[in-house]
């Protein structure tokens, strides 16, 4: 175990850098890199606002943090050096962030209902969708063609990526989505839900979503789903 930080841990991930395997955590306004063996602090950075969520790109070479000030910031996970300027995602706190499979873009959700596709290098906005409700997490599929969004009322939305055309939605549970990710083969979503003092995990197939995508994606792209 390791102590430290300025608030509850909001995200944890693994990376491999010059110092060997590391554990990256966010909590309060800090992002911290620790050695994976002794858990001693190797690097730490303080942001201007609390960190709500974070994500690593598939290669583990970039870290994106979702801030309570409505921004997404990018860092090198090896030493937490900042890359570029923060990107605004909406009018209130950024509640979730997820990298595309190629690491070139991120999907972000904001508590004001804004879903965006953002260029991970230049910060340009590629696409925007206004959601009804309060989105809490976002997950980009391994195929790169679908973005999933979970909300505070337990609902799920699926969008084609990167255009953000709505595919459909479903009510999984009445409890807020606390975490959301795809299985490695992209066939299902795994979500944990806040429910008082317990968490429920739901796995649901994306077959229906793939069928819906046939209307908006070329056949060669459908073959990858």
Protein backbone atom coordinates (compact mmCIF):
# COMPACT_ATOMS: atom_id res chain seq x y z
CA UNK A 1 0.00 0.00 0.00
CA UNK A 2 0.99 3.63 -0.45
CA UNK A 3 -0.21 6.83 1.14
CA UNK A 4 -0.34 10.24 -0.46
CA UNK A 5 -2.46 12.35 -2.78
CA UNK A 6 -4.92 15.12 -2.05
CA UNK A 7 -8.17 13.18 -2.31
CA UNK A 8 -9.76 9.83 -3.22
CA UNK A 9 -8.13 7.90 -6.06
CA UNK A 10 -10.19 8.60 -9.20
CA UNK A 11 -8.20 6.47 -11.66
CA UNK A 12 -5.34 3.97 -11.71
CA UNK A 13 -3.31 2.54 -14.59
CA UNK A 14 -0.07 0.77 -15.50
CA UNK A 15 2.76 2.00 -17.73
CA UNK A 16 6.34 1.06 -18.56
CA UNK A 17 8.98 3.78 -18.67
CA UNK A 18 12.70 4.28 -18.18
CA UNK A 19 12.19 3.47 -14.50
CA UNK A 20 10.57 0.13 -15.36
CA UNK A 21 6.92 -0.78 -14.70
CA UNK A 22 5.02 2.02 -12.99
CA UNK A 23 1.62 2.64 -11.44
CA UNK A 24 -0.10 5.91 -12.33
CA UNK A 25 -2.84 7.27 -10.08
CA UNK A 26 -4.96 10.40 -10.03
CA UNK A 27 -6.60 11.90 -6.97
CA UNK A 28 -7.52 15.42 -5.95
CA UNK A 29 -5.56 17.76 -8.20
CA UNK A 30 -2.56 15.40 -8.52
CA UNK A 31 -1.35 12.79 -10.98
CA UNK A 32 1.35 10.53 -9.52
CA UNK A 33 3.74 7.97 -10.99
CA UNK A 34 5.04 5.30 -8.60
CA UNK A 35 7.34 2.35 -9.11
CA UNK A 36 5.35 -0.86 -9.48
CA UNK A 37 7.54 -2.66 -6.96
CA UNK A 38 8.18 -0.41 -3.97
CA UNK A 39 5.44 2.12 -4.80
CA UNK A 40 7.77 5.04 -4.12
CA UNK A 41 6.78 8.30 -5.82
CA UNK A 42 8.85 8.91 -8.96
CA UNK A 43 6.98 11.86 -10.46
CA UNK A 44 4.00 13.99 -9.49
CA UNK A 45 2.21 16.95 -11.06
CA UNK A 46 -0.42 19.28 -9.61
CA UNK A 47 -3.16 20.59 -11.89
CA UNK A 48 -5.34 23.69 -11.54
CA UNK A 49 -8.44 21.60 -10.71
CA UNK A 50 -9.30 18.13 -9.35
CA UNK A 51 -8.90 15.21 -11.74
CA UNK A 52 -12.19 13.37 -12.29
CA UNK A 53 -10.95 10.62 -14.61
CA UNK A 54 -7.97 9.69 -16.80
CA UNK A 55 -6.89 7.36 -19.59
CA UNK A 56 -3.74 6.00 -21.21
CA UNK A 57 -3.42 5.56 -24.96
CA UNK A 58 -3.14 1.93 -26.19
CA UNK A 59 0.65 2.18 -26.41
CA UNK A 60 0.95 3.57 -22.89
CA UNK A 61 2.85 6.62 -24.15
CA UNK A 62 0.29 9.37 -23.46
CA UNK A 63 -1.87 10.17 -20.46
CA UNK A 64 -5.07 12.22 -20.71
CA UNK A 65 -6.71 13.66 -17.59
CA UNK A 66 -10.31 14.84 -17.30
CA UNK A 67 -10.53 17.90 -15.08
CA UNK A 68 -13.26 19.32 -12.87
CA UNK A 69 -12.61 22.65 -14.63
CA UNK A 70 -14.01 21.29 -17.91
CA UNK A 71 -10.70 20.55 -19.62
CA UNK A 72 -8.65 17.60 -20.83
CA UNK A 73 -4.88 17.74 -20.38
CA UNK A 74 -2.20 15.54 -21.96
CA UNK A 75 1.02 14.28 -20.36
CA UNK A 76 3.94 11.97 -20.98
CA UNK A 77 3.29 9.16 -18.45
CA UNK A 78 7.01 8.53 -18.07
CA UNK A 79 7.68 11.81 -16.24
CA UNK A 80 4.29 13.64 -16.29
CA UNK A 81 5.64 16.43 -18.49
CA UNK A 82 2.73 18.34 -20.04
CA UNK A 83 2.06 18.02 -23.78
CA UNK A 84 0.31 21.02 -25.28
CA UNK A 85 -2.37 23.18 -23.71
CA UNK A 86 -5.52 21.95 -21.94
CA UNK A 87 -8.55 21.49 -24.22
CA UNK A 88 -11.99 22.66 -23.08
CA UNK A 89 -14.69 19.97 -23.34
CA UNK A 90 -17.74 21.90 -22.11
CA UNK A 91 -19.06 24.36 -19.54
CA UNK A 92 -18.69 22.22 -16.39
CA UNK A 93 -16.54 19.28 -15.27
CA UNK A 94 -15.13 16.73 -17.70
CA UNK A 95 -16.41 13.39 -16.41
CA UNK A 96 -14.72 10.92 -18.76
CA UNK A 97 -12.03 10.50 -21.41
CA UNK A 98 -10.99 7.61 -23.69
CA UNK A 99 -8.36 7.26 -26.42
CA UNK A 100 -9.04 5.95 -29.91
CA UNK A 101 -7.21 2.69 -30.76
CA UNK A 102 -4.59 4.58 -32.78
CA UNK A 103 -4.07 7.10 -29.96
CA UNK A 104 -4.63 10.07 -32.28
CA UNK A 105 -7.96 11.19 -30.84
CA UNK A 106 -9.84 11.14 -27.54
CA UNK A 107 -13.54 10.99 -26.80
CA UNK A 108 -14.61 13.19 -23.88
CA UNK A 109 -17.84 13.71 -21.96
CA UNK A 110 -18.77 16.73 -19.88
CA UNK A 111 -21.37 17.07 -17.12
CA UNK A 112 -23.23 19.61 -19.27
CA UNK A 113 -24.08 16.77 -21.70
CA UNK A 114 -21.37 17.46 -24.29
CA UNK A 115 -19.74 14.49 -26.07
CA UNK A 116 -16.71 15.41 -28.19
CA UNK A 117 -14.03 13.87 -30.36
CA UNK A 118 -10.80 15.79 -29.81
CA UNK A 119 -7.49 15.69 -31.67
CA UNK A 120 -5.02 14.34 -29.11
CA UNK A 121 -2.12 16.27 -30.66
CA UNK A 122 -3.47 19.65 -31.72
CA UNK A 123 -6.54 19.84 -29.52
CA UNK A 124 -8.91 20.51 -32.39
CA UNK A 125 -12.56 19.45 -32.02
CA UNK A 126 -13.45 16.83 -34.63
CA UNK A 127 -17.11 16.22 -33.71
CA UNK A 128 -19.64 17.19 -31.01
CA UNK A 129 -22.95 15.73 -29.83
CA UNK A 130 -25.31 17.21 -27.22
CA UNK A 131 -26.61 14.49 -24.91
CA UNK A 132 -29.69 14.64 -22.74
CA UNK A 133 -28.76 13.79 -19.17
CA UNK A 134 -25.45 13.68 -17.31
CA UNK A 135 -22.79 11.50 -18.99
CA UNK A 136 -20.30 10.00 -16.54
CA UNK A 137 -17.96 7.78 -18.60
CA UNK A 138 -16.95 7.16 -22.20
CA UNK A 139 -15.22 4.20 -23.88
CA UNK A 140 -13.84 3.92 -27.43
CA UNK A 141 -14.17 0.44 -28.94
CA UNK A 142 -11.07 -1.61 -29.92
CA UNK A 143 -12.25 -1.53 -33.56
CA UNK A 144 -12.32 2.27 -33.47
CA UNK A 145 -15.78 2.49 -35.02
CA UNK A 146 -17.96 2.84 -31.91
CA UNK A 147 -17.94 5.13 -28.87
CA UNK A 148 -19.99 4.12 -25.83
CA UNK A 149 -21.23 6.58 -23.20
CA UNK A 150 -22.61 5.79 -19.73
CA UNK A 151 -24.74 8.19 -17.70
CA UNK A 152 -25.70 9.10 -14.15
CA UNK A 153 -29.03 7.28 -14.49
CA UNK A 154 -27.45 4.06 -15.74
CA UNK A 155 -28.36 4.56 -19.40
CA UNK A 156 -25.93 3.72 -22.22
CA UNK A 157 -25.52 5.32 -25.64
CA UNK A 158 -23.64 4.03 -28.67
CA UNK A 159 -22.26 6.32 -31.39
CA UNK A 160 -20.42 5.72 -34.64
CA UNK A 161 -16.89 7.08 -34.44
CA UNK A 162 -15.51 9.54 -35.17
CA UNK A 163 -18.64 11.13 -36.70
CA UNK A 164 -20.75 10.71 -33.52
CA UNK A 165 -23.91 9.58 -35.28
CA UNK A 166 -26.26 8.10 -32.68
CA UNK A 167 -26.70 4.34 -33.08
CA UNK A 168 -28.99 3.69 -30.14
CA UNK A 169 -29.34 3.64 -26.38
CA UNK A 170 -30.41 1.27 -23.62
CA UNK A 171 -31.33 1.52 -19.95
CA UNK A 172 -29.06 -0.94 -18.17
CA UNK A 173 -29.81 0.00 -14.56
CA UNK A 174 -31.02 3.01 -12.63
CA UNK A 175 -27.62 3.49 -11.00
CA UNK A 176 -24.83 5.78 -12.25
CA UNK A 177 -22.11 4.33 -14.48
CA UNK A 178 -18.85 4.45 -12.49
CA UNK A 179 -16.59 2.68 -14.99
CA UNK A 180 -16.98 1.57 -18.58
CA UNK A 181 -14.75 -0.46 -20.89
CA UNK A 182 -14.90 -2.86 -23.84
CA UNK A 183 -13.80 -6.47 -23.88
CA UNK A 184 -10.62 -7.02 -25.89
CA UNK A 185 -12.52 -8.44 -28.88
CA UNK A 186 -15.01 -5.55 -28.85
CA UNK A 187 -18.00 -7.88 -28.55
CA UNK A 188 -19.26 -6.56 -25.22
CA UNK A 189 -19.16 -3.65 -22.78
CA UNK A 190 -18.42 -4.02 -19.09
CA UNK A 191 -19.77 -1.36 -16.77
CA UNK A 192 -19.80 -0.90 -13.00
CA UNK A 193 -22.65 1.03 -11.42
CA UNK A 194 -22.91 2.97 -8.19
CA UNK A 195 -25.76 1.62 -6.13
CA UNK A 196 -25.55 2.84 -2.58
CA UNK A 197 -22.70 0.95 -0.99
CA UNK A 198 -22.51 -1.73 -3.68
CA UNK A 199 -21.52 -1.94 -7.32
CA UNK A 200 -23.22 -3.93 -10.03
CA UNK A 201 -21.41 -5.08 -13.17
CA UNK A 202 -23.34 -5.54 -16.38
CA UNK A 203 -22.08 -7.10 -19.61
CA UNK A 204 -24.18 -6.58 -22.73
CA UNK A 205 -23.62 -7.64 -26.30
CA UNK A 206 -23.07 -5.07 -29.05
CA UNK A 207 -24.52 -7.28 -31.80
CA UNK A 208 -27.52 -4.97 -32.22
CA UNK A 209 -25.17 -2.00 -32.45
CA UNK A 210 -23.17 -3.69 -35.19
CA UNK A 211 -26.38 -4.32 -37.12
CA UNK A 212 -27.30 -0.65 -36.79
CA UNK A 213 -23.85 0.38 -38.00
CA UNK A 214 -24.44 -1.30 -41.35
CA UNK A 215 -26.55 1.71 -42.25
CA UNK A 216 -23.72 4.21 -41.70
CA UNK A 217 -20.46 2.33 -42.31
CA UNK A 218 -18.97 0.86 -45.50
CA UNK A 219 -18.95 -2.94 -45.75
CA UNK A 220 -15.18 -3.19 -45.42
CA UNK A 221 -15.31 -1.34 -42.10
CA UNK A 222 -18.17 -3.56 -40.87
CA UNK A 223 -15.97 -6.61 -41.42
CA UNK A 224 -13.70 -5.37 -38.65
CA UNK A 225 -16.49 -5.35 -36.05
